[in-house]
Protein backbone atom coordinates (compact mmCIF):
# COMPACT_ATOMS: atom_id res chain seq x y z
CA MET A 1 52.75 122.87 101.97
CA GLU A 2 51.27 119.98 101.34
CA SER A 3 51.41 120.44 97.41
CA THR A 4 54.25 122.58 97.60
CA LYS A 5 55.88 119.57 98.91
CA LEU A 6 54.64 117.36 96.59
CA LYS A 7 55.59 119.44 93.42
CA GLY A 8 59.12 119.55 95.26
CA ASN A 9 59.06 115.67 95.03
CA LEU A 10 58.55 116.05 91.03
CA TYR A 11 61.44 116.04 87.70
CA SER A 12 59.96 118.18 85.36
CA LEU A 13 60.23 117.36 81.94
CA GLY A 14 58.97 120.70 79.98
CA ASN A 15 54.86 120.86 78.54
CA GLY A 16 53.77 120.08 81.97
CA TYR A 17 54.88 116.10 81.79
CA TYR A 18 56.78 115.83 85.13
CA ILE A 19 58.41 112.42 86.98
CA SER A 20 57.79 111.02 90.53
CA LYS A 21 61.22 111.15 92.03
CA ASN A 22 60.35 108.21 94.60
CA ASP A 23 59.52 106.30 91.35
CA PRO A 24 61.95 103.20 91.17
CA LEU A 25 61.97 103.57 88.24
CA PHE A 26 62.95 107.14 87.74
CA TRP A 27 66.18 107.09 86.32
CA LYS A 28 65.79 104.45 83.63
CA LYS A 29 62.08 106.57 82.52
CA LEU A 30 64.30 110.17 82.70
CA LEU A 31 66.83 108.09 80.60
CA ILE A 32 63.89 107.18 78.04
CA GLN A 33 62.82 110.66 77.59
CA ARG A 34 66.55 112.39 77.63
CA PRO A 35 69.13 110.02 76.78
CA GLU A 36 72.17 112.45 77.20
CA ASP A 37 71.84 113.05 80.68
CA LYS A 38 74.93 112.12 81.75
CA GLU A 39 73.63 111.77 85.34
CA ALA A 40 70.55 109.09 84.31
CA MET A 41 73.08 107.60 82.55
CA TYR A 42 75.36 107.14 85.40
CA HIS A 43 72.36 106.03 87.97
CA VAL A 44 71.21 103.56 85.49
CA GLY A 45 74.42 102.08 84.71
CA LEU A 46 75.04 101.36 88.31
CA GLU A 47 71.28 99.69 88.27
CA TYR A 48 72.79 97.11 85.98
CA GLU A 49 76.02 96.85 87.39
CA ILE A 50 73.75 95.72 90.44
CA GLU A 51 71.69 93.08 88.39
CA ALA A 52 74.76 92.14 87.06
CA ARG A 53 76.90 90.82 89.53
CA ASN A 54 73.52 89.30 90.85
CA TYR A 55 73.12 87.02 87.67
CA LEU A 56 77.03 86.57 88.63
CA ASP A 57 76.04 84.95 91.81
CA ARG A 58 73.53 83.01 90.93
CA TYR A 59 76.22 81.56 87.92
CA ASN A 60 78.49 80.66 91.00
CA LEU A 61 75.94 78.38 92.69
CA THR A 62 74.43 77.37 90.33
CA LYS A 63 76.90 77.25 87.69
CA THR A 64 74.20 77.51 84.92
CA ASP A 65 75.32 79.11 81.77
CA GLN A 66 73.15 81.76 81.13
CA TYR A 67 72.86 83.51 84.30
CA LEU A 68 77.31 83.86 83.45
CA ALA A 69 75.66 85.47 79.93
CA LEU A 70 73.54 87.66 80.75
CA TYR A 71 76.31 88.98 83.29
CA HIS A 72 78.47 90.02 80.71
CA LYS A 73 75.65 91.74 78.98
CA LEU A 74 74.43 93.45 81.75
CA MET A 75 78.10 94.63 82.54
CA LYS A 76 79.14 95.93 79.83
CA GLN A 77 75.84 97.82 79.29
CA ALA A 78 76.79 99.52 82.88
CA PHE A 79 80.70 100.07 82.05
CA GLU A 80 79.61 102.09 78.43
CA LEU A 81 76.75 104.29 80.21
CA ILE A 82 78.73 104.92 82.67
CA ASN A 83 82.00 105.80 80.83
CA ARG A 84 79.96 107.64 78.72
CA SER A 85 78.66 109.60 81.60
CA PHE A 86 81.98 110.50 82.74
CA ASN A 87 83.43 111.41 78.86
CA LYS A 88 80.25 114.13 79.27
CA GLY A 89 81.88 115.49 82.33
CA PHE A 90 80.13 113.69 85.04
CA LEU A 91 83.40 113.40 87.18
CA SER A 92 81.76 111.50 89.84
CA ALA A 93 82.18 108.51 87.09
CA ARG A 94 85.47 108.30 87.31
CA LEU A 95 86.53 106.20 89.42
CA ASP A 96 83.93 103.94 89.22
CA VAL A 97 85.32 103.43 85.60
CA LEU A 98 88.14 102.64 86.96
CA ARG A 99 86.90 99.80 89.34
CA MET A 100 84.46 97.88 86.72
CA GLU A 101 87.04 97.52 84.49
CA ARG A 102 89.13 96.23 86.70
CA ALA A 103 86.59 94.15 88.18
CA MET A 104 85.65 92.82 84.90
CA LYS A 105 89.03 91.66 83.96
CA LEU A 106 89.11 90.01 87.49
CA THR A 107 85.94 88.16 87.01
CA GLU A 108 87.19 86.84 83.41
CA ARG A 109 90.14 85.95 84.53
CA LYS A 110 88.81 84.02 87.31
CA VAL A 111 85.73 82.34 85.21
CA PRO A 112 86.30 82.22 81.74
CA PHE A 113 83.64 83.11 79.50
CA ASN A 114 83.53 79.35 77.03
CA ILE A 115 80.83 80.72 74.43
CA GLU A 116 81.50 76.85 72.29
CA LYS A 117 78.64 75.32 73.61
CA SER A 118 75.91 72.64 71.37
CA ASP A 119 73.80 73.43 68.41
CA SER A 120 70.98 72.77 70.96
CA GLN A 121 71.95 74.60 73.94
CA ASN A 122 73.54 77.62 71.85
CA GLY A 123 69.62 78.15 70.28
CA LYS A 124 68.11 77.31 73.88
CA ILE A 125 70.77 80.58 75.19
CA ARG A 126 70.08 82.54 71.86
CA LEU A 127 66.16 82.39 72.35
CA PHE A 128 66.37 82.93 75.86
CA LEU A 129 68.98 86.16 75.77
CA ALA A 130 66.78 87.84 72.52
CA LEU A 131 63.63 87.97 74.92
CA ILE A 132 65.84 89.34 77.85
CA PHE A 133 67.21 91.92 76.51
CA GLY A 134 64.74 92.49 74.02
CA LEU A 135 62.51 94.07 76.92
CA ILE A 136 65.88 95.47 78.39
CA LEU A 137 66.40 97.34 75.28
CA ALA A 138 62.71 97.93 74.70
CA MET A 139 62.27 99.43 77.93
CA VAL A 140 65.36 101.57 78.30
CA PHE A 141 67.98 102.42 75.02
CA LEU A 142 66.84 104.64 71.85
CA PRO A 143 68.35 103.91 68.47
CA ARG A 144 70.97 106.69 68.93
CA LEU A 145 72.10 105.33 72.44
CA LEU A 146 72.17 101.95 70.45
CA THR A 147 74.79 103.19 68.05
CA THR A 148 77.39 104.49 69.80
CA THR A 149 80.69 102.66 70.04
CA TYR A 150 82.66 102.77 72.93
CA HIS A 151 86.88 101.55 73.31
CA ILE A 152 87.33 99.85 76.40
CA ASN A 153 90.20 99.23 75.87
CA ASN A 154 91.52 102.94 75.13
CA HIS A 155 94.41 103.13 77.08
CA TYR A 156 93.28 106.33 79.08
CA LEU A 157 90.31 107.84 77.63
CA TYR A 158 88.67 107.28 81.31
CA MET A 159 91.12 108.95 83.01
CA LEU A 160 89.81 112.09 81.00
CA PRO A 161 89.68 115.05 81.48
CA TYR A 162 93.60 116.45 82.43
CA GLU A 163 95.04 119.61 81.59
CA VAL A 164 98.48 120.12 79.62
CA ILE A 165 100.22 122.84 81.19
CA GLU A 166 103.34 123.92 79.33
CA ARG A 167 105.94 124.24 82.14
CA LYS A 168 107.82 123.40 85.37
CA PRO A 169 105.38 123.29 88.46
CA THR A 170 105.95 126.81 90.29
CA THR A 171 105.66 125.41 93.57
CA LEU A 172 106.17 122.29 94.92
CA ILE A 173 103.45 119.51 93.94
CA SER A 174 102.77 117.35 97.68
CA PHE A 175 99.60 115.86 99.30
CA PRO A 176 98.46 114.26 101.77
CA GLY A 177 97.01 111.03 99.51
CA LEU A 178 100.84 111.35 98.34
CA LYS A 179 101.99 107.87 99.68
CA ASP A 180 104.42 106.34 97.37
CA GLN A 181 107.20 107.90 95.36
CA ALA A 182 106.70 109.00 91.68
CA LYS A 183 107.03 106.80 89.22
CA VAL A 184 109.69 106.89 86.56
CA ILE A 185 109.56 106.85 83.37
CA VAL A 186 112.23 107.44 80.35
CA VAL A 187 111.11 108.54 77.61
CA LYS A 188 113.50 109.18 73.76
CA PRO A 189 115.47 112.49 73.21
CA GLU A 190 113.08 113.19 70.31
CA ILE A 191 109.92 112.99 71.88
CA SER A 192 106.94 114.85 70.63
CA LYS A 193 104.72 116.81 72.73
CA GLU A 194 101.50 114.72 72.20
CA LEU A 195 103.17 111.35 72.82
CA LEU A 196 104.79 112.74 75.89
CA VAL A 197 101.67 113.38 77.16
CA HIS A 198 100.12 110.18 75.96
CA GLN A 199 102.87 108.04 77.97
CA LEU A 200 102.66 110.78 81.12
CA VAL A 201 99.11 109.63 81.61
CA ALA A 202 99.58 105.79 80.00
CA GLY A 203 102.13 105.85 83.09
CA LEU A 204 99.55 106.82 85.57
CA LYS A 205 97.33 104.80 84.30
CA ALA A 206 99.21 101.25 84.37
CA ASP A 207 100.16 102.55 88.38
CA TYR A 208 96.54 102.95 89.29
CA GLU A 209 96.33 99.12 88.42
CA MET A 210 99.00 97.96 90.00
CA LYS A 211 98.02 99.89 93.31
CA PRO A 212 93.83 101.35 92.68
CA VAL A 213 93.41 102.98 94.83
CA SER A 214 91.95 107.03 94.97
CA GLU A 215 94.81 108.32 96.77
CA ALA A 216 97.28 111.19 94.88
CA LYS A 217 99.72 109.47 92.59
CA GLN A 218 102.64 111.20 90.02
CA VAL A 219 104.08 110.16 87.06
CA ILE A 220 107.78 112.52 85.65
CA ALA A 221 109.05 111.86 82.75
CA ILE A 222 113.23 111.97 82.05
CA ASP A 223 114.75 111.37 78.93
CA GLU A 224 117.91 109.11 78.03
CA THR A 225 120.29 111.71 78.96
CA ASN A 226 118.69 112.28 82.37
CA THR A 227 117.12 114.94 82.03
CA GLU A 228 113.91 116.23 82.88
CA ARG A 229 110.56 116.12 80.08
CA GLY A 230 107.82 116.35 82.05
CA MET A 231 105.33 115.27 84.94
CA VAL A 232 101.83 114.33 85.38
CA PHE A 233 99.74 114.57 88.30
CA TRP A 234 96.72 113.41 89.85
CA ALA A 235 95.45 114.37 93.21
CA GLY A 236 92.71 111.41 93.83
CA GLY A 237 88.94 111.33 93.86
CA ASP A 238 87.59 113.17 91.06
CA LYS A 239 90.38 116.05 90.92
CA THR A 240 91.52 117.26 87.09
CA ILE A 241 94.81 115.12 85.92
CA GLN A 242 97.45 117.56 85.37
CA VAL A 243 99.76 116.83 82.82
CA TYR A 244 103.51 119.29 82.86
CA ILE A 245 106.19 119.54 79.88
CA TYR A 246 108.99 121.43 80.13
CA PRO A 247 109.59 124.13 77.72
CA GLN A 248 112.43 122.23 75.10
CA GLU A 249 114.53 126.03 75.20
CA SER A 250 115.18 125.76 79.04
CA ILE A 251 115.95 122.07 79.26
CA ALA A 252 118.36 122.99 76.36
CA PHE A 253 121.13 125.04 78.81
CA GLU A 254 120.16 123.57 82.33
CA ASN A 255 122.13 120.72 83.67
CA THR A 256 119.72 119.34 86.28
CA GLN A 257 120.97 116.37 87.20
CA GLU A 258 124.16 118.60 88.28
CA ARG A 259 122.45 120.44 90.79
CA GLN A 260 120.39 117.96 91.59
CA LEU A 261 123.11 115.79 92.46
CA TRP A 262 125.11 118.62 94.42
CA GLU A 263 121.86 119.14 96.54
CA THR A 264 120.94 116.02 97.18
CA THR A 265 124.67 115.50 98.28
CA THR A 266 125.03 119.01 100.28
CA VAL A 267 121.89 117.41 102.47
CA VAL A 268 123.22 114.21 103.47
CA ARG A 269 126.93 115.99 104.22
CA SER A 270 124.83 118.37 106.31
CA ALA A 271 123.29 115.78 107.88
CA THR A 272 126.54 113.84 108.74
CA TYR A 273 128.15 117.29 109.72
CA GLN A 274 125.69 118.25 112.01
CA PHE A 275 126.37 114.62 113.64
CA CYS A 276 129.61 114.94 114.19
CA LYS A 277 129.39 118.66 116.21
CA GLU A 278 126.42 117.72 118.16
CA ASN A 279 128.36 113.90 119.05
CA GLY A 280 132.11 115.11 118.06
CA TYR A 281 132.57 111.69 115.72
CA LEU A 282 131.54 110.49 112.04
CA PRO A 283 128.45 107.94 112.50
CA GLU A 284 130.28 104.93 111.39
CA ASP A 285 127.27 104.15 109.57
CA LEU A 286 124.79 106.52 108.13
CA LYS A 287 121.68 104.85 108.22
CA THR A 288 122.25 106.47 111.92
CA LEU A 289 120.69 109.78 110.79
CA ILE A 290 117.56 108.38 110.15
CA GLN A 291 116.93 107.00 113.66
CA PRO A 292 113.27 107.37 115.75
CA PHE A 293 112.21 110.94 117.65
CA PRO A 294 114.50 112.10 118.68
CA ASN A 295 117.26 111.16 116.79
CA ASN A 296 116.13 112.06 113.63
CA TYR A 297 118.53 114.02 111.60
CA LEU A 298 116.78 112.93 108.77
CA MET A 299 113.54 110.81 107.17
CA GLU A 300 115.26 108.56 104.55
CA LEU A 301 118.65 109.18 103.33
CA PRO A 302 118.52 111.36 99.26
CA LYS A 303 118.82 109.27 96.00
CA ASP A 304 121.23 110.47 94.26
CA PRO A 305 119.28 111.98 90.69
CA PHE A 306 121.38 109.36 87.73
CA LYS A 307 120.43 106.08 89.87
CA LEU A 308 117.66 107.05 91.78
CA LYS A 309 118.79 105.14 94.61
CA ASN A 310 119.80 105.68 98.10
CA THR A 311 121.68 102.22 99.26
CA VAL A 312 125.29 103.35 100.80
CA THR A 313 128.31 101.28 100.05
CA LEU A 314 132.01 101.35 101.29
CA SER A 315 133.66 101.21 98.00
CA SER A 316 132.92 102.69 94.70
CA THR A 317 130.53 101.32 91.86
CA GLY A 318 129.53 103.43 89.93
CA GLU A 319 126.25 102.05 90.39
CA GLY A 320 123.94 105.28 92.40
CA GLY A 321 123.46 105.98 95.93
CA TRP A 322 126.44 106.81 98.63
CA LEU A 323 129.94 106.03 98.76
CA TYR A 324 130.91 106.87 103.15
CA SER A 325 134.81 106.18 104.14
CA TRP A 326 134.23 106.48 107.87
CA VAL A 327 137.29 108.23 109.60
CA LYS A 328 137.94 107.11 113.17
CA ASN A 329 138.47 110.59 115.00
CA PRO A 330 138.25 113.81 113.36
CA ALA A 331 137.86 115.94 116.78
CA ASN A 332 141.22 117.95 115.23
CA GLN A 333 140.42 118.57 111.67
CA ASP A 334 138.00 120.76 110.23
CA GLY A 335 134.85 119.05 110.37
CA VAL A 336 133.60 120.58 106.44
CA ALA A 337 136.27 119.03 104.57
CA VAL A 338 136.19 115.85 106.80
CA VAL A 339 133.17 115.23 106.25
CA LYS A 340 133.16 116.77 102.00
CA GLU A 341 136.05 113.97 102.13
CA ALA A 342 133.93 110.95 104.22
CA ILE A 343 130.48 111.12 101.59
CA LYS A 344 130.64 111.25 98.06
CA PRO A 345 128.31 110.24 95.27
CA ASN A 346 128.95 106.31 94.34
CA ILE A 347 128.21 107.56 90.63
CA PRO A 348 131.38 108.59 88.09
CA CYS A 349 131.55 112.20 88.44
CA ALA A 350 133.39 114.82 86.25
CA LYS A 351 133.38 117.96 89.19
CA GLU A 352 134.64 118.05 92.08
CA ILE A 353 131.72 118.61 94.14
CA PRO A 354 132.00 121.51 96.79
CA PHE A 355 130.09 121.74 100.85
CA SER A 356 128.68 124.30 102.77
CA PRO A 357 126.67 123.13 105.47
CA LEU A 358 122.69 124.02 104.71
CA THR A 359 121.21 127.14 107.00
CA ILE A 360 117.60 128.81 107.40
CA THR A 361 117.53 132.54 106.64
CA ILE A 362 113.96 133.32 107.75
CA ASN A 363 113.72 137.77 106.67
CA LYS A 364 110.59 138.84 108.42
CA GLY A 365 110.77 141.79 106.36
CA ASN A 366 109.22 140.57 103.43
CA HIS A 367 108.19 136.78 104.57
CA THR A 368 110.33 134.24 103.56
CA LEU A 369 112.18 130.95 104.34
CA LEU A 370 115.49 130.71 102.55
CA VAL A 371 117.02 127.03 103.40
CA ILE A 372 120.83 128.34 102.41
CA SER A 373 124.50 126.24 101.10
CA GLY A 374 127.36 128.67 100.69
CA ASP A 375 126.06 131.22 97.97
CA ARG A 376 124.04 129.02 96.62
CA ILE A 377 119.73 129.36 97.27
CA ILE A 378 118.17 125.50 97.69
CA ARG A 379 114.67 126.11 98.75
CA LYS A 380 112.38 129.47 99.10
CA TYR A 381 109.38 129.11 101.06
CA SER A 382 106.48 131.82 101.51
CA VAL A 383 105.98 132.04 105.50
CA ALA A 384 103.51 133.79 108.42
CA LEU A 385 104.91 135.26 110.96
CA GLY A 386 103.92 136.58 114.56
CA LYS A 387 101.71 139.84 114.93
CA GLU A 388 103.28 142.66 116.84
CA ASP A 389 106.83 141.17 115.63
CA SER A 390 106.44 138.59 118.02
CA THR A 391 108.59 136.45 115.92
CA PRO A 392 112.13 135.92 117.88
CA GLU A 393 115.20 137.46 115.47
CA GLY A 394 118.95 136.81 116.41
CA ASP A 395 120.39 132.90 116.06
CA PHE A 396 118.99 128.85 116.68
CA PHE A 397 118.92 125.87 115.94
CA ILE A 398 116.72 122.92 114.99
CA SER A 399 116.05 121.41 118.20
CA LYS A 400 113.58 118.60 117.65
CA LYS A 401 111.81 117.35 114.51
CA ILE A 402 108.20 116.14 115.07
CA MET A 403 105.86 114.73 112.57
CA ASN A 404 102.55 115.08 113.10
CA PRO A 405 102.84 116.54 116.28
CA ASP A 406 99.69 116.72 119.04
CA LYS A 407 98.56 113.62 116.39
CA PHE A 408 95.29 113.09 118.79
CA VAL A 409 94.20 116.93 118.35
CA PRO A 410 91.67 116.41 114.93
CA LEU A 411 93.02 117.60 111.62
CA ASP A 412 90.79 120.56 111.48
CA GLU A 413 91.99 121.89 114.94
CA ASN A 414 95.86 120.77 114.61
CA VAL A 415 96.87 124.37 114.61
CA TYR A 416 100.62 123.10 113.86
CA GLY A 417 99.78 120.86 110.23
CA THR A 418 101.58 118.04 109.42
CA ARG A 419 105.49 118.59 111.04
CA ALA A 420 107.45 120.54 112.69
CA MET A 421 110.76 121.97 113.87
CA GLU A 422 111.06 122.83 116.98
CA LEU A 423 114.16 125.88 118.01
CA SER A 424 116.30 126.23 120.23
CA ASN A 425 114.31 128.37 122.54
CA MET A 426 111.91 125.87 123.03
CA LYS A 427 108.62 128.27 122.99
CA PHE A 428 108.88 129.01 118.89
CA ALA A 429 108.70 126.67 116.04
CA ILE A 430 108.48 126.03 112.37
CA HIS A 431 105.31 123.67 111.71
CA GLY A 432 103.00 123.44 109.17
CA THR A 433 99.80 125.22 108.76
CA ASN A 434 95.54 124.24 107.83
CA LEU A 435 95.17 128.14 107.69
CA PRO A 436 96.74 128.44 104.18
CA SER A 437 95.20 131.82 103.84
CA SER A 438 97.47 133.08 106.44
CA ILE A 439 100.69 132.68 104.64
CA GLY A 440 102.20 135.46 104.26
CA GLN A 441 100.77 137.71 107.05
CA GLU A 442 101.52 138.63 110.80
CA VAL A 443 99.11 136.65 112.53
CA SER A 444 101.02 133.94 114.78
CA GLN A 445 101.97 133.91 118.40
CA GLY A 446 105.23 134.13 117.16
CA CYS A 447 105.75 130.57 115.31
CA ILE A 448 106.44 130.62 111.93
CA ARG A 449 104.41 129.21 109.91
CA LEU A 450 104.85 126.62 106.15
CA ASN A 451 101.67 125.27 103.92
CA ASN A 452 102.33 121.81 104.96
CA SER A 453 103.17 120.08 101.69
CA GLU A 454 106.04 122.69 102.19
CA ILE A 455 106.85 121.83 105.69
CA GLU A 456 106.96 118.76 104.35
CA ASP A 457 109.48 119.22 101.68
CA LEU A 458 111.52 121.63 104.05
CA TYR A 459 111.39 119.03 106.97
CA ALA A 460 112.45 116.16 104.50
CA ILE A 461 115.95 118.04 103.65
CA THR A 462 116.78 119.88 107.07
CA PRO A 463 118.88 117.63 108.94
CA LEU A 464 118.56 117.75 113.55
CA TYR A 465 120.73 121.40 114.80
CA THR A 466 120.60 123.04 111.49
CA PRO A 467 121.55 126.85 111.96
CA VAL A 468 117.99 128.84 112.13
CA LYS A 469 118.64 133.02 111.48
CA ILE A 470 115.79 135.47 112.04
CA SER A 471 116.22 139.17 111.25
CA LYS A 472 114.55 141.99 109.74
CA SER A 473 117.47 142.36 107.20
CA THR A 474 117.78 141.11 103.62
CA SER A 475 121.30 142.15 102.78
CA PRO A 476 123.19 138.94 103.13
CA ILE A 477 120.90 136.96 100.56
CA GLN A 478 120.21 139.66 97.68
CA GLY A 479 121.48 138.04 94.14
CA LEU A 480 122.06 134.49 95.54
CA PRO A 481 120.63 132.15 92.45
CA LEU A 482 118.43 130.28 92.82
CA LEU A 483 117.54 126.42 92.23
CA ASP A 484 114.64 124.54 89.91
CA PRO A 485 111.70 124.22 92.04
CA PRO A 486 111.91 120.29 94.40
CA ASN A 487 111.80 117.31 92.76
CA ILE A 488 109.51 114.95 94.53
CA TYR A 489 111.16 111.06 94.06
CA LEU A 490 114.83 112.36 95.76
CA TYR A 491 113.30 112.74 98.98
CA ASP A 492 110.64 110.15 101.13
CA ARG A 493 108.13 112.75 102.61
CA THR A 494 105.91 109.71 104.04
CA ASP A 495 104.88 109.42 107.17
CA ASN A 496 107.03 107.50 109.54
CA PRO A 497 105.26 106.92 113.51
CA LYS A 498 108.42 106.48 114.29
CA GLU A 499 109.45 110.07 114.22
CA GLU A 500 106.17 110.97 115.58
CA ASP A 501 105.91 112.30 119.36
CA ASN A 502 103.14 110.58 121.36
CA LEU A 503 104.12 111.03 124.56
CA SER A 504 104.23 115.02 125.08
CA VAL A 505 101.98 117.79 123.74
CA TYR A 506 103.30 121.17 122.51
CA HIS A 507 102.15 124.68 123.26
CA TRP A 508 104.59 126.42 121.10
CA ALA A 509 103.76 129.84 119.91
CA HIS A 510 101.47 129.39 117.34
């Protein structure tokens, strides 16, 4: 028993040689024997970083230049080892590389390293450094390790690995950590694929340097004609970066911005239309649509896709956002026509933008949920439904919109996911789920489930009181044209405590 335990504590180097894992110098000894071991590089690099920071602390206390010189030397070697470990595939090193590069830059700004000293002092420093680092290098590094060159200032070397995908995302890209809006960069229409990949990943790095957190980040590339050309997404942590390059052949015949403008205009108009139906008058200010729960028609006004603005103006300036012409008493007028004239994009438009209020249809036959305006589909999702035909059929409407329902319940136990929209039959709701494998099946007690990323998208575009029709029939929606995948940067999907209901415990038929 004791022999087995002892053997398990030994690391075999082959040929009968072992290193004890309890040895404080275990990783350094392993790196000497196996200089290409990526995990050993990582751990030795971390040890060097600790030593370097100790020297920096001594410098801050004594202002002795030798300590500052030792800090710079050891920190550089620590960075090189950890960076090399990451480039060899040790993904845990990614965040340490980013963190260390930022730390070195901050230290350099706070404590500039001036090497211009007197000749005698320089001689003493060189002798001291030679003795110290001679011992360190002899103990740790082999000659071939010393000959490797690293490019610390490379713009995206340490962001590897990334995956290049030559198509648009087939599903909505969203993530719980994606709190900030996507960053948008502008590229030349004739940009090459290689340069587009480089600029997207460089944009991601720049965004990280502005906000160095391990949460999800996204950068979208549009050209000078406002056509989307690609997108890069990082889910944070040790996740692989995904770079989407949109095919040129699809860009050539798509008028993406005009479609997006129609969609976002329809969302604003639909929210205003439902407010008018419920209250009998138009809101004096469109900000009335984004009140706290339970009057949260929308999370936020969507942005127009040309100027990426959602500001509201009372007179046309062409600078983006929304133009709102308030009408005092539309009670005896056609509500659709009134809202259509009251809300228009604040940009030059060559075409009239039609308006049909949004509706939701849920097809129990093929487990799909559609968001429709007139003869066009805005969104299509796969859903889970009730077992034993328990999902009710008929005409309903969205009576409540609740963010993070039953928030006090641990996430892994919360059956409602991150968003919920209660139906006018208050026993049922359209909500998220923490069991994505259930989507497409009949497993609930009657509620309609979506993946959390998709319920967050649906919640953002669906106004309060939107009609919902549930049936087994497919005939009303056959043949309708489907729009492009959603564009996250047009809508706000971040959590907002004002839209939470902390006074209620929900018991929908999940």
